[in-house]
Amino acid sequence: MTAARPTRAARDPLDFLAFRELVSRAYLRYARARLDAPALAQAAVDAAFADIRRC
């Protein structure tokens, strides 16, 4: 299973998109190592990036 690509909206800052591209695979590997369900791991990563984007 491959990591889901983030939706690239015009309102997303370029630095956020670059950061997500750089670290999203590592975040997903970490989440999968700690959670039993791949879908739950992806949801956790998506939620983390949503929080990061709001900051």
PDB file of N, CA and C in Angstrom:
ATOM      1  N   MET A   1       0.844  -1.186   0.000  1.00  0.00           N
ATOM      2  CA  MET A   1       0.000   0.000   0.000  1.00  0.00           C
ATOM      3  C   MET A   1       0.880   1.237   0.000  1.00  0.00           C
ATOM      4  N   THR A   2       0.545   2.190  -0.814  1.00  0.00           N
ATOM      5  CA  THR A   2       1.344   3.411  -0.891  1.00  0.00           C
ATOM      6  C   THR A   2       0.656   4.516  -0.113  1.00  0.00           C
ATOM      7  N   ALA A   3       1.448   5.493   0.258  1.00  0.00           N
ATOM      8  CA  ALA A   3       0.926   6.629   1.019  1.00  0.00           C
ATOM      9  C   ALA A   3       0.006   7.454   0.122  1.00  0.00           C
ATOM     10  N   ALA A   4      -1.073   7.919   0.701  1.00  0.00           N
ATOM     11  CA  ALA A   4      -1.998   8.764  -0.041  1.00  0.00           C
ATOM     12  C   ALA A   4      -1.364  10.116  -0.298  1.00  0.00           C
ATOM     13  N   ARG A   5      -1.564  10.621  -1.462  1.00  0.00           N
ATOM     14  CA  ARG A   5      -1.044  11.941  -1.806  1.00  0.00           C
ATOM     15  C   ARG A   5      -1.966  13.011  -1.256  1.00  0.00           C
ATOM     16  N   PRO A   6      -1.396  14.065  -0.691  1.00  0.00           N
ATOM     17  CA  PRO A   6      -2.247  15.137  -0.180  1.00  0.00           C
ATOM     18  C   PRO A   6      -2.919  15.887  -1.324  1.00  0.00           C
ATOM     19  N   THR A   7      -4.099  16.407  -1.060  1.00  0.00           N
ATOM     20  CA  THR A   7      -4.774  17.252  -2.034  1.00  0.00           C
ATOM     21  C   THR A   7      -4.043  18.588  -2.076  1.00  0.00           C
ATOM     22  N   ARG A   8      -3.700  19.021  -3.255  1.00  0.00           N
ATOM     23  CA  ARG A   8      -2.945  20.261  -3.391  1.00  0.00           C
ATOM     24  C   ARG A   8      -3.899  21.407  -3.736  1.00  0.00           C
ATOM     25  N   ALA A   9      -4.385  22.025  -2.710  1.00  0.00           N
ATOM     26  CA  ALA A   9      -5.275  23.167  -2.887  1.00  0.00           C
ATOM     27  C   ALA A   9      -4.445  24.434  -3.039  1.00  0.00           C
ATOM     28  N   ALA A  10      -4.984  25.381  -3.745  1.00  0.00           N
ATOM     29  CA  ALA A  10      -4.272  26.645  -3.973  1.00  0.00           C
ATOM     30  C   ALA A  10      -3.985  27.361  -2.661  1.00  0.00           C
ATOM     31  N   ARG A  11      -4.770  27.101  -1.634  1.00  0.00           N
ATOM     32  CA  ARG A  11      -4.593  27.798  -0.360  1.00  0.00           C
ATOM     33  C   ARG A  11      -3.504  27.175   0.512  1.00  0.00           C
ATOM     34  N   ASP A  12      -3.015  25.987   0.157  1.00  0.00           N
ATOM     35  CA  ASP A  12      -1.964  25.345   0.954  1.00  0.00           C
ATOM     36  C   ASP A  12      -0.629  26.049   0.724  1.00  0.00           C
ATOM     37  N   PRO A  13       0.038  26.453   1.800  1.00  0.00           N
ATOM     38  CA  PRO A  13       1.341  27.106   1.658  1.00  0.00           C
ATOM     39  C   PRO A  13       2.362  26.147   1.043  1.00  0.00           C
ATOM     40  N   LEU A  14       3.211  26.662   0.216  1.00  0.00           N
ATOM     41  CA  LEU A  14       4.209  25.848  -0.459  1.00  0.00           C
ATOM     42  C   LEU A  14       5.155  25.174   0.532  1.00  0.00           C
ATOM     43  N   ASP A  15       5.508  25.864   1.610  1.00  0.00           N
ATOM     44  CA  ASP A  15       6.403  25.240   2.593  1.00  0.00           C
ATOM     45  C   ASP A  15       5.728  24.052   3.285  1.00  0.00           C
ATOM     46  N   PHE A  16       4.422  24.143   3.533  1.00  0.00           N
ATOM     47  CA  PHE A  16       3.693  23.017   4.112  1.00  0.00           C
ATOM     48  C   PHE A  16       3.677  21.834   3.149  1.00  0.00           C
ATOM     49  N   LEU A  17       3.403  22.093   1.884  1.00  0.00           N
ATOM     50  CA  LEU A  17       3.377  21.017   0.889  1.00  0.00           C
ATOM     51  C   LEU A  17       4.740  20.340   0.767  1.00  0.00           C
ATOM     52  N   ALA A  18       5.802  21.127   0.797  1.00  0.00           N
ATOM     53  CA  ALA A  18       7.147  20.564   0.723  1.00  0.00           C
ATOM     54  C   ALA A  18       7.456  19.721   1.949  1.00  0.00           C
ATOM     55  N   PHE A  19       7.095  20.210   3.136  1.00  0.00           N
ATOM     56  CA  PHE A  19       7.316  19.456   4.370  1.00  0.00           C
ATOM     57  C   PHE A  19       6.552  18.138   4.329  1.00  0.00           C
ATOM     58  N   ARG A  20       5.293  18.194   3.928  1.00  0.00           N
ATOM     59  CA  ARG A  20       4.490  16.963   3.879  1.00  0.00           C
ATOM     60  C   ARG A  20       5.078  15.966   2.887  1.00  0.00           C
ATOM     61  N   GLU A  21       5.485  16.437   1.753  1.00  0.00           N
ATOM     62  CA  GLU A  21       6.103  15.550   0.754  1.00  0.00           C
ATOM     63  C   GLU A  21       7.361  14.895   1.314  1.00  0.00           C
ATOM     64  N   LEU A  22       8.116  15.641   2.080  1.00  0.00           N
ATOM     65  CA  LEU A  22       9.376  15.148   2.627  1.00  0.00           C
ATOM     66  C   LEU A  22       9.180  14.098   3.718  1.00  0.00           C
ATOM     67  N   VAL A  23       8.206  14.284   4.602  1.00  0.00           N
ATOM     68  CA  VAL A  23       8.118  13.425   5.785  1.00  0.00           C
ATOM     69  C   VAL A  23       6.899  12.518   5.850  1.00  0.00           C
ATOM     70  N   SER A  24       5.983  12.600   4.915  1.00  0.00           N
ATOM     71  CA  SER A  24       4.743  11.829   5.035  1.00  0.00           C
ATOM     72  C   SER A  24       4.976  10.318   5.062  1.00  0.00           C
ATOM     73  N   ARG A  25       5.902   9.823   4.288  1.00  0.00           N
ATOM     74  CA  ARG A  25       6.176   8.373   4.300  1.00  0.00           C
ATOM     75  C   ARG A  25       6.712   7.920   5.649  1.00  0.00           C
ATOM     76  N   ALA A  26       7.579   8.706   6.243  1.00  0.00           N
ATOM     77  CA  ALA A  26       8.119   8.358   7.559  1.00  0.00           C
ATOM     78  C   ALA A  26       7.013   8.396   8.617  1.00  0.00           C
ATOM     79  N   TYR A  27       6.143   9.394   8.557  1.00  0.00           N
ATOM     80  CA  TYR A  27       5.020   9.475   9.502  1.00  0.00           C
ATOM     81  C   TYR A  27       4.135   8.233   9.365  1.00  0.00           C
ATOM     82  N   LEU A  28       3.870   7.838   8.126  1.00  0.00           N
ATOM     83  CA  LEU A  28       3.003   6.692   7.892  1.00  0.00           C
ATOM     84  C   LEU A  28       3.663   5.391   8.367  1.00  0.00           C
ATOM     85  N   ARG A  29       4.948   5.222   8.128  1.00  0.00           N
ATOM     86  CA  ARG A  29       5.652   4.028   8.622  1.00  0.00           C
ATOM     87  C   ARG A  29       5.578   3.965  10.141  1.00  0.00           C
ATOM     88  N   TYR A  30       5.780   5.085  10.798  1.00  0.00           N
ATOM     89  CA  TYR A  30       5.715   5.147  12.256  1.00  0.00           C
ATOM     90  C   TYR A  30       4.316   4.771  12.744  1.00  0.00           C
ATOM     91  N   ALA A  31       3.291   5.348  12.130  1.00  0.00           N
ATOM     92  CA  ALA A  31       1.919   5.070  12.541  1.00  0.00           C
ATOM     93  C   ALA A  31       1.562   3.606  12.308  1.00  0.00           C
ATOM     94  N   ARG A  32       1.977   3.054  11.198  1.00  0.00           N
ATOM     95  CA  ARG A  32       1.692   1.637  10.910  1.00  0.00           C
ATOM     96  C   ARG A  32       2.395   0.708  11.890  1.00  0.00           C
ATOM     97  N   ALA A  33       3.558   1.104  12.366  1.00  0.00           N
ATOM     98  CA  ALA A  33       4.295   0.270  13.318  1.00  0.00           C
ATOM     99  C   ALA A  33       3.592   0.231  14.672  1.00  0.00           C
ATOM    100  N   ARG A  34       2.757   1.223  14.962  1.00  0.00           N
ATOM    101  CA  ARG A  34       2.127   1.301  16.268  1.00  0.00           C
ATOM    102  C   ARG A  34       0.631   1.014  16.269  1.00  0.00           C
ATOM    103  N   LEU A  35       0.014   1.039  15.108  1.00  0.00           N
ATOM    104  CA  LEU A  35      -1.424   0.798  15.002  1.00  0.00           C
ATOM    105  C   LEU A  35      -1.663  -0.460  14.172  1.00  0.00           C
ATOM    106  N   ASP A  36      -2.645  -1.227  14.543  1.00  0.00           N
ATOM    107  CA  ASP A  36      -2.907  -2.496  13.871  1.00  0.00           C
ATOM    108  C   ASP A  36      -3.578  -2.343  12.506  1.00  0.00           C
ATOM    109  N   ALA A  37      -4.323  -1.309  12.306  1.00  0.00           N
ATOM    110  CA  ALA A  37      -5.097  -1.143  11.080  1.00  0.00           C
ATOM    111  C   ALA A  37      -4.452  -0.094  10.173  1.00  0.00           C
ATOM    112  N   PRO A  38      -4.133  -0.466   8.918  1.00  0.00           N
ATOM    113  CA  PRO A  38      -3.540   0.506   7.989  1.00  0.00           C
ATOM    114  C   PRO A  38      -4.418   1.743   7.775  1.00  0.00           C
ATOM    115  N   ALA A  39      -5.723   1.556   7.722  1.00  0.00           N
ATOM    116  CA  ALA A  39      -6.613   2.704   7.528  1.00  0.00           C
ATOM    117  C   ALA A  39      -6.554   3.644   8.729  1.00  0.00           C
ATOM    118  N   LEU A  40      -6.441   3.082   9.915  1.00  0.00           N
ATOM    119  CA  LEU A  40      -6.321   3.902  11.125  1.00  0.00           C
ATOM    120  C   LEU A  40      -4.999   4.665  11.127  1.00  0.00           C
ATOM    121  N   ALA A  41      -3.939   4.015  10.678  1.00  0.00           N
ATOM    122  CA  ALA A  41      -2.642   4.685  10.584  1.00  0.00           C
ATOM    123  C   ALA A  41      -2.712   5.860   9.610  1.00  0.00           C
ATOM    124  N   GLN A  42      -3.335   5.650   8.461  1.00  0.00           N
ATOM    125  CA  GLN A  42      -3.458   6.729   7.473  1.00  0.00           C
ATOM    126  C   GLN A  42      -4.298   7.871   8.033  1.00  0.00           C
ATOM    127  N   ALA A  43      -5.369   7.535   8.727  1.00  0.00           N
ATOM    128  CA  ALA A  43      -6.216   8.574   9.324  1.00  0.00           C
ATOM    129  C   ALA A  43      -5.443   9.378  10.370  1.00  0.00           C
ATOM    130  N   ALA A  44      -4.605   8.709  11.145  1.00  0.00           N
ATOM    131  CA  ALA A  44      -3.799   9.405  12.156  1.00  0.00           C
ATOM    132  C   ALA A  44      -2.814  10.360  11.492  1.00  0.00           C
ATOM    133  N   VAL A  45      -2.192   9.925  10.417  1.00  0.00           N
ATOM    134  CA  VAL A  45      -1.241  10.779   9.693  1.00  0.00           C
ATOM    135  C   VAL A  45      -1.977  11.962   9.066  1.00  0.00           C
ATOM    136  N   ASP A  46      -3.109  11.705   8.463  1.00  0.00           N
ATOM    137  CA  ASP A  46      -3.902  12.795   7.866  1.00  0.00           C
ATOM    138  C   ASP A  46      -4.301  13.821   8.926  1.00  0.00           C
ATOM    139  N   ALA A  47      -4.699  13.332  10.092  1.00  0.00           N
ATOM    140  CA  ALA A  47      -5.083  14.244  11.179  1.00  0.00           C
ATOM    141  C   ALA A  47      -3.878  15.046  11.673  1.00  0.00           C
ATOM    142  N   ALA A  48      -2.733  14.397  11.744  1.00  0.00           N
ATOM    143  CA  ALA A  48      -1.519  15.108  12.182  1.00  0.00           C
ATOM    144  C   ALA A  48      -1.183  16.240  11.210  1.00  0.00           C
ATOM    145  N   PHE A  49      -1.254  15.955   9.915  1.00  0.00           N
ATOM    146  CA  PHE A  49      -0.936  16.998   8.939  1.00  0.00           C
ATOM    147  C   PHE A  49      -2.001  18.095   8.910  1.00  0.00           C
ATOM    148  N   ALA A  50      -3.240  17.747   9.180  1.00  0.00           N
ATOM    149  CA  ALA A  50      -4.272  18.776   9.273  1.00  0.00           C
ATOM    150  C   ALA A  50      -3.983  19.726  10.438  1.00  0.00           C
ATOM    151  N   ASP A  51      -3.553  19.156  11.561  1.00  0.00           N
ATOM    152  CA  ASP A  51      -3.173  20.002  12.711  1.00  0.00           C
ATOM    153  C   ASP A  51      -1.954  20.859  12.398  1.00  0.00           C
ATOM    154  N   ILE A  52      -0.970  20.257  11.745  1.00  0.00           N
ATOM    155  CA  ILE A  52       0.252  21.003  11.395  1.00  0.00           C
ATOM    156  C   ILE A  52      -0.097  22.151  10.461  1.00  0.00           C
ATOM    157  N   ARG A  53      -0.951  21.899   9.492  1.00  0.00           N
ATOM    158  CA  ARG A  53      -1.310  22.930   8.534  1.00  0.00           C
ATOM    159  C   ARG A  53      -2.008  24.110   9.218  1.00  0.00           C
ATOM    160  N   ARG A  54      -2.818  23.826  10.236  1.00  0.00           N
ATOM    161  CA  ARG A  54      -3.523  24.896  10.941  1.00  0.00           C
ATOM    162  C   ARG A  54      -2.586  25.799  11.732  1.00  0.00           C
ATOM    163  N   CYS A  55      -1.411  25.295  12.064  1.00  0.00           N
ATOM    164  CA  CYS A  55      -0.485  26.079  12.886  1.00  0.00           C
ATOM    165  C   CYS A  55       0.136  27.174  12.100  1.00  0.00           C
TER     166      CYS A  55
END
